[in-house]
């Protein structure tokens, strides 16, 4: 039976530091990184983001990817925060799209292969307005408080805006304009869209790629992400479509993906702005293929940073 792709845990960085990795990190991170190497003090990194000092040189394709360790009160632990920036963009108050990882994943392995390159190429060609992706470690709890005191959704809603504002990213209050996610992260992105709507500050776009929408509690219970079927029902995007409000949603899922049944059911119920089902399985080859379409959808709804 197909399941969500498992990821191995990367080597941890030192606290309050940021690694500007060289191209040797490409195979490990699945992303093109900056061409500079070494460890930068946090103050230098913040200065770069705020534009008070020159940013580190971009990688061969123009991408800047920064790594930080931040302490999340909502998760009661240090988490990795990965920021993907198109180097041609003005960084101050650059719109932000959250990028949520799948089951057994982490912030460092959130992005499909080529997403960063496609982003910078599209921005450089003026096919997209500039925006950044920000990924964080969310654990394996389907982006909610399954384990008492470990609330990854509260981290996204309550802590991310402050972190973004401190770094000069997001809107004037540091709030992301959108959220995208793959697999479990797709479930989380839809839940994030619901929570933003319930708070009266809806997101401007939600992108769910191969979202982990299951129709059987017998199968969902094996993820050990919900206490019981009642809790799952209360959070399941399939049974709470109306709570998303009017936020534009895009759904992409391969027809050979284990989650295709749930994706088709969501498409039928929610009638999202973008609904793509085509050949593909639950893996990077499908994600790479649909990345330009996902970026086009997000770019359509991104605030223009003038």
C-alpha atoms as a PDB file:
ATOM      1  CA  UNK A   1       0.000   0.000   0.000  1.00  0.00           C
ATOM      2  CA  UNK A   2       1.314   3.410  -0.900  1.00  0.00           C
ATOM      3  CA  UNK A   3       1.976   5.714   2.010  1.00  0.00           C
ATOM      4  CA  UNK A   4       3.318   9.179   2.502  1.00  0.00           C
ATOM      5  CA  UNK A   5       7.017   9.393   1.738  1.00  0.00           C
ATOM      6  CA  UNK A   6       9.257   9.102   4.768  1.00  0.00           C
ATOM      7  CA  UNK A   7      12.178  11.461   5.188  1.00  0.00           C
ATOM      8  CA  UNK A   8      15.343  10.999   7.225  1.00  0.00           C
ATOM      9  CA  UNK A   9      16.229  13.526   9.917  1.00  0.00           C
ATOM     10  CA  UNK A  10      18.971  15.958   8.805  1.00  0.00           C
ATOM     11  CA  UNK A  11      21.973  16.979  10.885  1.00  0.00           C
ATOM     12  CA  UNK A  12      20.963  19.680  13.369  1.00  0.00           C
ATOM     13  CA  UNK A  13      22.448  23.174  13.238  1.00  0.00           C
ATOM     14  CA  UNK A  14      23.664  25.131  16.196  1.00  0.00           C
ATOM     15  CA  UNK A  15      21.151  27.306  18.012  1.00  0.00           C
ATOM     16  CA  UNK A  16      20.446  30.794  16.633  1.00  0.00           C
ATOM     17  CA  UNK A  17      22.578  30.333  13.569  1.00  0.00           C
ATOM     18  CA  UNK A  18      21.950  30.245   9.872  1.00  0.00           C
ATOM     19  CA  UNK A  19      23.775  28.141   7.359  1.00  0.00           C
ATOM     20  CA  UNK A  20      24.272  29.533   3.900  1.00  0.00           C
ATOM     21  CA  UNK A  21      25.093  26.233   2.271  1.00  0.00           C
ATOM     22  CA  UNK A  22      27.081  25.634  -0.896  1.00  0.00           C
ATOM     23  CA  UNK A  23      26.016  23.714  -3.909  1.00  0.00           C
ATOM     24  CA  UNK A  24      27.290  20.537  -2.241  1.00  0.00           C
ATOM     25  CA  UNK A  25      24.052  20.590  -0.222  1.00  0.00           C
ATOM     26  CA  UNK A  26      21.987  20.089  -3.360  1.00  0.00           C
ATOM     27  CA  UNK A  27      21.683  16.331  -3.067  1.00  0.00           C
ATOM     28  CA  UNK A  28      20.844  16.457   0.642  1.00  0.00           C
ATOM     29  CA  UNK A  29      18.309  19.265   0.630  1.00  0.00           C
ATOM     30  CA  UNK A  30      16.831  18.675  -2.821  1.00  0.00           C
ATOM     31  CA  UNK A  31      17.251  22.411  -3.500  1.00  0.00           C
ATOM     32  CA  UNK A  32      19.750  24.724  -5.130  1.00  0.00           C
ATOM     33  CA  UNK A  33      21.415  26.678  -2.337  1.00  0.00           C
ATOM     34  CA  UNK A  34      23.528  29.810  -2.211  1.00  0.00           C
ATOM     35  CA  UNK A  35      27.074  29.762  -3.471  1.00  0.00           C
ATOM     36  CA  UNK A  36      28.553  31.130  -0.234  1.00  0.00           C
ATOM     37  CA  UNK A  37      29.563  28.691   2.496  1.00  0.00           C
ATOM     38  CA  UNK A  38      29.941  28.950   6.235  1.00  0.00           C
ATOM     39  CA  UNK A  39      27.897  29.949   9.267  1.00  0.00           C
ATOM     40  CA  UNK A  40      26.565  33.469   9.680  1.00  0.00           C
ATOM     41  CA  UNK A  41      25.696  35.031  13.051  1.00  0.00           C
ATOM     42  CA  UNK A  42      21.988  35.653  13.508  1.00  0.00           C
ATOM     43  CA  UNK A  43      22.477  39.418  13.545  1.00  0.00           C
ATOM     44  CA  UNK A  44      24.135  39.259  10.127  1.00  0.00           C
ATOM     45  CA  UNK A  45      21.323  37.133   8.747  1.00  0.00           C
ATOM     46  CA  UNK A  46      18.634  39.506  10.037  1.00  0.00           C
ATOM     47  CA  UNK A  47      20.558  42.447   8.644  1.00  0.00           C
ATOM     48  CA  UNK A  48      20.656  40.778   5.250  1.00  0.00           C
ATOM     49  CA  UNK A  49      16.915  40.161   5.227  1.00  0.00           C
ATOM     50  CA  UNK A  50      16.120  43.696   6.316  1.00  0.00           C
ATOM     51  CA  UNK A  51      18.394  45.119   3.663  1.00  0.00           C
ATOM     52  CA  UNK A  52      20.839  46.759   6.095  1.00  0.00           C
ATOM     53  CA  UNK A  53      23.764  44.758   4.709  1.00  0.00           C
ATOM     54  CA  UNK A  54      24.382  43.125   1.326  1.00  0.00           C
ATOM     55  CA  UNK A  55      22.695  39.730   1.007  1.00  0.00           C
ATOM     56  CA  UNK A  56      24.872  36.646   0.509  1.00  0.00           C
ATOM     57  CA  UNK A  57      25.554  35.807  -3.129  1.00  0.00           C
ATOM     58  CA  UNK A  58      22.879  33.694  -4.808  1.00  0.00           C
ATOM     59  CA  UNK A  59      23.372  30.197  -6.054  1.00  0.00           C
ATOM     60  CA  UNK A  60      24.072  29.393  -9.709  1.00  0.00           C
ATOM     61  CA  UNK A  61      20.384  29.735 -10.568  1.00  0.00           C
ATOM     62  CA  UNK A  62      19.868  32.936  -8.558  1.00  0.00           C
ATOM     63  CA  UNK A  63      18.199  31.316  -5.551  1.00  0.00           C
ATOM     64  CA  UNK A  64      18.903  32.337  -1.965  1.00  0.00           C
ATOM     65  CA  UNK A  65      17.974  29.777   0.679  1.00  0.00           C
ATOM     66  CA  UNK A  66      18.534  30.544   4.353  1.00  0.00           C
ATOM     67  CA  UNK A  67      18.425  28.177   7.325  1.00  0.00           C
ATOM     68  CA  UNK A  68      17.700  29.208  10.914  1.00  0.00           C
ATOM     69  CA  UNK A  69      16.900  27.606  14.234  1.00  0.00           C
ATOM     70  CA  UNK A  70      14.106  29.291  16.169  1.00  0.00           C
ATOM     71  CA  UNK A  71      12.424  28.378  19.442  1.00  0.00           C
ATOM     72  CA  UNK A  72       8.692  27.758  19.174  1.00  0.00           C
ATOM     73  CA  UNK A  73       6.728  28.297  22.380  1.00  0.00           C
ATOM     74  CA  UNK A  74       3.750  26.622  20.735  1.00  0.00           C
ATOM     75  CA  UNK A  75       5.779  23.482  19.974  1.00  0.00           C
ATOM     76  CA  UNK A  76       8.034  23.722  23.062  1.00  0.00           C
ATOM     77  CA  UNK A  77      11.170  23.040  21.036  1.00  0.00           C
ATOM     78  CA  UNK A  78      13.711  24.380  18.592  1.00  0.00           C
ATOM     79  CA  UNK A  79      12.610  24.077  14.966  1.00  0.00           C
ATOM     80  CA  UNK A  80      14.287  24.612  11.630  1.00  0.00           C
ATOM     81  CA  UNK A  81      13.025  27.521   9.545  1.00  0.00           C
ATOM     82  CA  UNK A  82      13.949  27.529   5.848  1.00  0.00           C
ATOM     83  CA  UNK A  83      13.392  30.620   3.705  1.00  0.00           C
ATOM     84  CA  UNK A  84      13.512  30.459  -0.094  1.00  0.00           C
ATOM     85  CA  UNK A  85      14.032  33.880  -1.696  1.00  0.00           C
ATOM     86  CA  UNK A  86      14.261  34.845  -5.367  1.00  0.00           C
ATOM     87  CA  UNK A  87      17.413  36.966  -5.341  1.00  0.00           C
ATOM     88  CA  UNK A  88      16.116  39.451  -7.907  1.00  0.00           C
ATOM     89  CA  UNK A  89      13.317  40.483  -5.560  1.00  0.00           C
ATOM     90  CA  UNK A  90      13.327  43.406  -3.141  1.00  0.00           C
ATOM     91  CA  UNK A  91      13.329  41.591   0.180  1.00  0.00           C
ATOM     92  CA  UNK A  92      11.655  44.157   2.427  1.00  0.00           C
ATOM     93  CA  UNK A  93       8.055  42.996   3.073  1.00  0.00           C
ATOM     94  CA  UNK A  94       8.309  40.332   0.406  1.00  0.00           C
ATOM     95  CA  UNK A  95       5.038  38.346   0.447  1.00  0.00           C
ATOM     96  CA  UNK A  96       5.356  34.927   2.078  1.00  0.00           C
ATOM     97  CA  UNK A  97       3.790  31.579   1.275  1.00  0.00           C
ATOM     98  CA  UNK A  98       4.157  28.933   3.973  1.00  0.00           C
ATOM     99  CA  UNK A  99       5.305  25.540   2.719  1.00  0.00           C
ATOM    100  CA  UNK A 100       4.202  22.584   4.858  1.00  0.00           C
ATOM    101  CA  UNK A 101       5.988  19.233   4.739  1.00  0.00           C
ATOM    102  CA  UNK A 102       4.514  15.748   4.702  1.00  0.00           C
ATOM    103  CA  UNK A 103       4.515  12.897   7.205  1.00  0.00           C
ATOM    104  CA  UNK A 104       8.006  12.119   8.556  1.00  0.00           C
ATOM    105  CA  UNK A 105       9.272  15.197   6.712  1.00  0.00           C
ATOM    106  CA  UNK A 106      10.843  18.426   7.905  1.00  0.00           C
ATOM    107  CA  UNK A 107      11.445  22.011   6.835  1.00  0.00           C
ATOM    108  CA  UNK A 108      14.661  21.174   4.998  1.00  0.00           C
ATOM    109  CA  UNK A 109      12.923  18.696   2.725  1.00  0.00           C
ATOM    110  CA  UNK A 110       9.632  20.503   2.177  1.00  0.00           C
ATOM    111  CA  UNK A 111      10.166  21.744  -1.369  1.00  0.00           C
ATOM    112  CA  UNK A 112       9.890  19.542  -4.455  1.00  0.00           C
ATOM    113  CA  UNK A 113      13.006  19.348  -6.604  1.00  0.00           C
ATOM    114  CA  UNK A 114      13.215  22.391  -8.857  1.00  0.00           C
ATOM    115  CA  UNK A 115      10.641  24.520  -7.039  1.00  0.00           C
ATOM    116  CA  UNK A 116      13.213  27.116  -5.987  1.00  0.00           C
ATOM    117  CA  UNK A 117      14.737  27.280  -9.468  1.00  0.00           C
ATOM    118  CA  UNK A 118      11.332  27.597 -11.133  1.00  0.00           C
ATOM    119  CA  UNK A 119      10.378  30.357  -8.697  1.00  0.00           C
ATOM    120  CA  UNK A 120      13.449  32.471  -9.399  1.00  0.00           C
ATOM    121  CA  UNK A 121      13.237  31.921 -13.164  1.00  0.00           C
ATOM    122  CA  UNK A 122       9.555  32.920 -13.224  1.00  0.00           C
ATOM    123  CA  UNK A 123      10.186  36.021 -11.109  1.00  0.00           C
ATOM    124  CA  UNK A 124      13.182  37.032 -13.219  1.00  0.00           C
ATOM    125  CA  UNK A 125      11.096  36.660 -16.381  1.00  0.00           C
ATOM    126  CA  UNK A 126       8.351  38.744 -14.751  1.00  0.00           C
ATOM    127  CA  UNK A 127       5.923  35.871 -15.131  1.00  0.00           C
ATOM    128  CA  UNK A 128       5.265  35.988 -11.388  1.00  0.00           C
ATOM    129  CA  UNK A 129       5.322  38.737  -8.774  1.00  0.00           C
ATOM    130  CA  UNK A 130       8.137  38.048  -6.298  1.00  0.00           C
ATOM    131  CA  UNK A 131       7.331  36.122  -3.136  1.00  0.00           C
ATOM    132  CA  UNK A 132       9.147  33.860  -0.694  1.00  0.00           C
ATOM    133  CA  UNK A 133       8.509  30.375   0.630  1.00  0.00           C
ATOM    134  CA  UNK A 134       8.990  29.716   4.350  1.00  0.00           C
ATOM    135  CA  UNK A 135       9.028  26.160   5.709  1.00  0.00           C
ATOM    136  CA  UNK A 136       9.125  25.035   9.346  1.00  0.00           C
ATOM    137  CA  UNK A 137       9.360  21.734  11.201  1.00  0.00           C
ATOM    138  CA  UNK A 138       5.822  20.694  12.088  1.00  0.00           C
ATOM    139  CA  UNK A 139       6.225  17.155  13.404  1.00  0.00           C
ATOM    140  CA  UNK A 140       3.976  14.257  12.384  1.00  0.00           C
ATOM    141  CA  UNK A 141       0.729  15.457  13.962  1.00  0.00           C
ATOM    142  CA  UNK A 142      -1.121  16.509  10.798  1.00  0.00           C
ATOM    143  CA  UNK A 143      -0.452  20.152  11.706  1.00  0.00           C
ATOM    144  CA  UNK A 144      -2.587  20.292  14.839  1.00  0.00           C
ATOM    145  CA  UNK A 145      -2.132  19.697  18.570  1.00  0.00           C
ATOM    146  CA  UNK A 146      -2.232  15.925  18.711  1.00  0.00           C
ATOM    147  CA  UNK A 147       0.379  15.785  21.483  1.00  0.00           C
ATOM    148  CA  UNK A 148      -0.431  18.094  24.394  1.00  0.00           C
ATOM    149  CA  UNK A 149       1.761  21.206  24.277  1.00  0.00           C
ATOM    150  CA  UNK A 150       2.998  20.528  20.724  1.00  0.00           C
ATOM    151  CA  UNK A 151       0.765  22.735  18.574  1.00  0.00           C
ATOM    152  CA  UNK A 152       2.201  23.228  15.105  1.00  0.00           C
ATOM    153  CA  UNK A 153      -0.907  25.044  13.840  1.00  0.00           C
ATOM    154  CA  UNK A 154      -0.655  27.588  16.647  1.00  0.00           C
ATOM    155  CA  UNK A 155       2.998  28.048  15.685  1.00  0.00           C
ATOM    156  CA  UNK A 156       1.920  28.953  12.149  1.00  0.00           C
ATOM    157  CA  UNK A 157      -0.893  31.241  13.256  1.00  0.00           C
ATOM    158  CA  UNK A 158       0.593  32.929  16.322  1.00  0.00           C
ATOM    159  CA  UNK A 159       4.386  32.801  16.000  1.00  0.00           C
ATOM    160  CA  UNK A 160       5.153  32.945  12.295  1.00  0.00           C
ATOM    161  CA  UNK A 161       3.789  36.490  11.827  1.00  0.00           C
ATOM    162  CA  UNK A 162       6.146  37.765  14.557  1.00  0.00           C
ATOM    163  CA  UNK A 163       9.109  35.910  13.086  1.00  0.00           C
ATOM    164  CA  UNK A 164       8.320  37.258   9.631  1.00  0.00           C
ATOM    165  CA  UNK A 165       7.859  40.818  10.858  1.00  0.00           C
ATOM    166  CA  UNK A 166      11.211  40.679  12.654  1.00  0.00           C
ATOM    167  CA  UNK A 167      12.786  39.710   9.337  1.00  0.00           C
ATOM    168  CA  UNK A 168      10.937  42.260   7.225  1.00  0.00           C
ATOM    169  CA  UNK A 169       8.909  39.607   5.413  1.00  0.00           C
ATOM    170  CA  UNK A 170       5.179  39.154   4.897  1.00  0.00           C
ATOM    171  CA  UNK A 171       2.685  41.999   5.092  1.00  0.00           C
ATOM    172  CA  UNK A 172       3.008  44.922   7.510  1.00  0.00           C
ATOM    173  CA  UNK A 173       2.181  42.546  10.363  1.00  0.00           C
ATOM    174  CA  UNK A 174       4.320  39.692   9.045  1.00  0.00           C
ATOM    175  CA  UNK A 175       1.306  37.604   8.005  1.00  0.00           C
ATOM    176  CA  UNK A 176       1.779  35.177   5.075  1.00  0.00           C
ATOM    177  CA  UNK A 177      -0.498  35.672   2.096  1.00  0.00           C
ATOM    178  CA  UNK A 178      -0.758  31.956   1.314  1.00  0.00           C
ATOM    179  CA  UNK A 179      -0.035  28.426   2.421  1.00  0.00           C
ATOM    180  CA  UNK A 180       0.979  25.420   0.337  1.00  0.00           C
ATOM    181  CA  UNK A 181       1.609  21.858   1.412  1.00  0.00           C
ATOM    182  CA  UNK A 182       2.353  18.383   0.144  1.00  0.00           C
ATOM    183  CA  UNK A 183       0.680  15.200   1.425  1.00  0.00           C
ATOM    184  CA  UNK A 184       0.145  15.670   5.192  1.00  0.00           C
ATOM    185  CA  UNK A 185       1.171  19.263   4.497  1.00  0.00           C
ATOM    186  CA  UNK A 186      -1.698  19.559   2.013  1.00  0.00           C
ATOM    187  CA  UNK A 187      -4.083  18.537   4.798  1.00  0.00           C
ATOM    188  CA  UNK A 188      -2.351  21.123   6.986  1.00  0.00           C
ATOM    189  CA  UNK A 189      -2.594  23.858   4.354  1.00  0.00           C
ATOM    190  CA  UNK A 190      -6.349  23.339   4.075  1.00  0.00           C
ATOM    191  CA  UNK A 191      -6.654  23.372   7.880  1.00  0.00           C
ATOM    192  CA  UNK A 192      -4.557  26.562   8.008  1.00  0.00           C
ATOM    193  CA  UNK A 193      -6.891  28.163   5.460  1.00  0.00           C
ATOM    194  CA  UNK A 194      -9.859  27.228   7.618  1.00  0.00           C
ATOM    195  CA  UNK A 195      -8.288  28.638  10.798  1.00  0.00           C
ATOM    196  CA  UNK A 196      -7.353  31.903   9.071  1.00  0.00           C
ATOM    197  CA  UNK A 197     -10.947  32.245   7.852  1.00  0.00           C
ATOM    198  CA  UNK A 198     -12.333  31.509  11.321  1.00  0.00           C
ATOM    199  CA  UNK A 199     -10.105  34.269  12.724  1.00  0.00           C
ATOM    200  CA  UNK A 200     -11.526  36.762  10.261  1.00  0.00           C
ATOM    201  CA  UNK A 201      -8.238  37.185   8.374  1.00  0.00           C
ATOM    202  CA  UNK A 202      -8.513  34.753   5.442  1.00  0.00           C
ATOM    203  CA  UNK A 203      -5.491  33.737   3.422  1.00  0.00           C
ATOM    204  CA  UNK A 204      -5.327  34.851  -0.179  1.00  0.00           C
ATOM    205  CA  UNK A 205      -4.556  31.388  -1.553  1.00  0.00           C
ATOM    206  CA  UNK A 206      -4.246  27.764  -0.405  1.00  0.00           C
ATOM    207  CA  UNK A 207      -2.411  25.173  -2.508  1.00  0.00           C
ATOM    208  CA  UNK A 208      -2.738  21.483  -1.597  1.00  0.00           C
ATOM    209  CA  UNK A 209      -0.515  19.035  -3.493  1.00  0.00           C
ATOM    210  CA  UNK A 210      -1.403  15.334  -3.161  1.00  0.00           C
ATOM    211  CA  UNK A 211      -3.205  16.247   0.084  1.00  0.00           C
ATOM    212  CA  UNK A 212      -3.432  13.521   2.744  1.00  0.00           C
ATOM    213  CA  UNK A 213      -7.217  13.280   2.624  1.00  0.00           C
ATOM    214  CA  UNK A 214      -8.341   9.800   3.621  1.00  0.00           C
ATOM    215  CA  UNK A 215     -11.875   8.466   3.678  1.00  0.00           C
ATOM    216  CA  UNK A 216     -11.327   5.604   6.158  1.00  0.00           C
ATOM    217  CA  UNK A 217     -10.696   5.971   9.891  1.00  0.00           C
ATOM    218  CA  UNK A 218      -9.224   2.474   9.855  1.00  0.00           C
ATOM    219  CA  UNK A 219      -6.456   3.772   7.609  1.00  0.00           C
ATOM    220  CA  UNK A 220      -6.130   7.243   9.129  1.00  0.00           C
ATOM    221  CA  UNK A 221      -5.785   5.757  12.609  1.00  0.00           C
ATOM    222  CA  UNK A 222      -2.509   4.096  11.551  1.00  0.00           C
ATOM    223  CA  UNK A 223      -0.967   7.609  11.326  1.00  0.00           C
ATOM    224  CA  UNK A 224      -1.581   8.050  15.076  1.00  0.00           C
ATOM    225  CA  UNK A 225      -2.266  11.731  14.441  1.00  0.00           C
ATOM    226  CA  UNK A 226      -5.758  11.968  15.948  1.00  0.00           C
ATOM    227  CA  UNK A 227      -7.059  10.792  19.306  1.00  0.00           C
ATOM    228  CA  UNK A 228     -10.219   9.273  17.859  1.00  0.00           C
ATOM    229  CA  UNK A 229     -12.581   9.403  14.919  1.00  0.00           C
ATOM    230  CA  UNK A 230     -14.463  12.355  16.420  1.00  0.00           C
ATOM    231  CA  UNK A 231     -11.334  14.515  16.550  1.00  0.00           C
ATOM    232  CA  UNK A 232     -10.449  13.546  12.988  1.00  0.00           C
ATOM    233  CA  UNK A 233     -13.968  14.391  11.805  1.00  0.00           C
ATOM    234  CA  UNK A 234     -13.769  17.805  13.470  1.00  0.00           C
ATOM    235  CA  UNK A 235     -10.548  18.661  11.592  1.00  0.00           C
ATOM    236  CA  UNK A 236     -10.901  16.749   8.322  1.00  0.00           C
ATOM    237  CA  UNK A 237     -11.079  19.209   5.383  1.00  0.00           C
ATOM    238  CA  UNK A 238     -13.412  16.803   3.566  1.00  0.00           C
ATOM    239  CA  UNK A 239     -16.053  17.252   6.248  1.00  0.00           C
ATOM    240  CA  UNK A 240     -15.469  20.950   6.844  1.00  0.00           C
ATOM    241  CA  UNK A 241     -15.331  22.383   3.324  1.00  0.00           C
ATOM    242  CA  UNK A 242     -17.627  25.292   4.183  1.00  0.00           C
ATOM    243  CA  UNK A 243     -15.264  26.486   6.920  1.00  0.00           C
ATOM    244  CA  UNK A 244     -12.688  27.504   4.304  1.00  0.00           C
ATOM    245  CA  UNK A 245     -14.929  30.385   3.280  1.00  0.00           C
ATOM    246  CA  UNK A 246     -14.157  32.007  -0.066  1.00  0.00           C
ATOM    247  CA  UNK A 247     -10.378  31.567  -0.071  1.00  0.00           C
ATOM    248  CA  UNK A 248      -9.071  30.514  -3.513  1.00  0.00           C
ATOM    249  CA  UNK A 249      -7.918  26.879  -3.369  1.00  0.00           C
ATOM    250  CA  UNK A 250      -5.855  24.799  -5.761  1.00  0.00           C
ATOM    251  CA  UNK A 251      -5.681  20.981  -5.624  1.00  0.00           C
ATOM    252  CA  UNK A 252      -3.218  18.781  -7.531  1.00  0.00           C
ATOM    253  CA  UNK A 253      -3.140  14.987  -7.260  1.00  0.00           C
ATOM    254  CA  UNK A 254      -1.848  12.135  -9.417  1.00  0.00           C
ATOM    255  CA  UNK A 255      -4.381   9.588 -10.604  1.00  0.00           C
ATOM    256  CA  UNK A 256      -2.147   6.769  -9.318  1.00  0.00           C
ATOM    257  CA  UNK A 257      -1.735   8.460  -5.946  1.00  0.00           C
ATOM    258  CA  UNK A 258      -3.085   6.685  -2.876  1.00  0.00           C
ATOM    259  CA  UNK A 259      -4.919   9.910  -1.947  1.00  0.00           C
ATOM    260  CA  UNK A 260      -6.737  10.360  -5.260  1.00  0.00           C
ATOM    261  CA  UNK A 261     -10.103   9.250  -3.843  1.00  0.00           C
ATOM    262  CA  UNK A 262     -10.019  11.916  -1.139  1.00  0.00           C
ATOM    263  CA  UNK A 263      -8.757  14.537  -3.593  1.00  0.00           C
ATOM    264  CA  UNK A 264     -11.576  13.814  -6.039  1.00  0.00           C
ATOM    265  CA  UNK A 265     -14.122  13.973  -3.237  1.00  0.00           C
ATOM    266  CA  UNK A 266     -12.755  17.337  -2.071  1.00  0.00           C
ATOM    267  CA  UNK A 267     -12.830  18.688  -5.631  1.00  0.00           C
ATOM    268  CA  UNK A 268     -16.458  17.632  -6.003  1.00  0.00           C
ATOM    269  CA  UNK A 269     -17.463  19.224  -2.693  1.00  0.00           C
ATOM    270  CA  UNK A 270     -15.354  22.389  -2.707  1.00  0.00           C
ATOM    271  CA  UNK A 271     -15.160  23.187  -6.433  1.00  0.00           C
ATOM    272  CA  UNK A 272     -11.694  24.748  -6.035  1.00  0.00           C
ATOM    273  CA  UNK A 273     -10.329  27.377  -8.397  1.00  0.00           C
ATOM    274  CA  UNK A 274      -7.745  24.879  -9.679  1.00  0.00           C
ATOM    275  CA  UNK A 275      -8.458  21.145  -9.702  1.00  0.00           C
ATOM    276  CA  UNK A 276      -5.867  19.029 -11.473  1.00  0.00           C
ATOM    277  CA  UNK A 277      -5.775  15.251 -11.555  1.00  0.00           C
ATOM    278  CA  UNK A 278      -3.434  13.651 -14.045  1.00  0.00           C
ATOM    279  CA  UNK A 279      -0.995  10.783 -14.473  1.00  0.00           C
ATOM    280  CA  UNK A 280       1.335  10.449 -11.525  1.00  0.00           C
ATOM    281  CA  UNK A 281       2.041   8.811  -8.201  1.00  0.00           C
ATOM    282  CA  UNK A 282       2.747  10.166  -4.726  1.00  0.00           C
ATOM    283  CA  UNK A 283       6.277  11.380  -5.331  1.00  0.00           C
ATOM    284  CA  UNK A 284       8.738  13.946  -6.532  1.00  0.00           C
ATOM    285  CA  UNK A 285       8.327  13.255 -10.247  1.00  0.00           C
ATOM    286  CA  UNK A 286       4.681  14.356 -10.075  1.00  0.00           C
ATOM    287  CA  UNK A 287       5.511  17.314  -7.817  1.00  0.00           C
ATOM    288  CA  UNK A 288       8.203  18.547 -10.210  1.00  0.00           C
ATOM    289  CA  UNK A 289       5.823  18.387 -13.141  1.00  0.00           C
ATOM    290  CA  UNK A 290       3.064  20.419 -11.550  1.00  0.00           C
ATOM    291  CA  UNK A 291       5.351  22.944  -9.783  1.00  0.00           C
ATOM    292  CA  UNK A 292       4.992  25.632 -12.517  1.00  0.00           C
ATOM    293  CA  UNK A 293       1.193  25.394 -12.306  1.00  0.00           C
ATOM    294  CA  UNK A 294       1.279  25.664  -8.504  1.00  0.00           C
ATOM    295  CA  UNK A 295       3.532  28.734  -8.723  1.00  0.00           C
ATOM    296  CA  UNK A 296       1.262  30.316 -11.333  1.00  0.00           C
ATOM    297  CA  UNK A 297      -1.740  29.830  -9.030  1.00  0.00           C
ATOM    298  CA  UNK A 298       0.079  31.312  -6.035  1.00  0.00           C
ATOM    299  CA  UNK A 299       1.510  34.160  -8.113  1.00  0.00           C
ATOM    300  CA  UNK A 300      -1.964  35.085  -9.347  1.00  0.00           C
ATOM    301  CA  UNK A 301      -2.989  35.765  -5.751  1.00  0.00           C
ATOM    302  CA  UNK A 302       0.295  37.186  -4.408  1.00  0.00           C
ATOM    303  CA  UNK A 303       0.347  40.858  -3.392  1.00  0.00           C
ATOM    304  CA  UNK A 304       2.552  42.889  -5.707  1.00  0.00           C
ATOM    305  CA  UNK A 305       5.567  44.141  -3.771  1.00  0.00           C
ATOM    306  CA  UNK A 306       6.099  47.575  -5.297  1.00  0.00           C
END
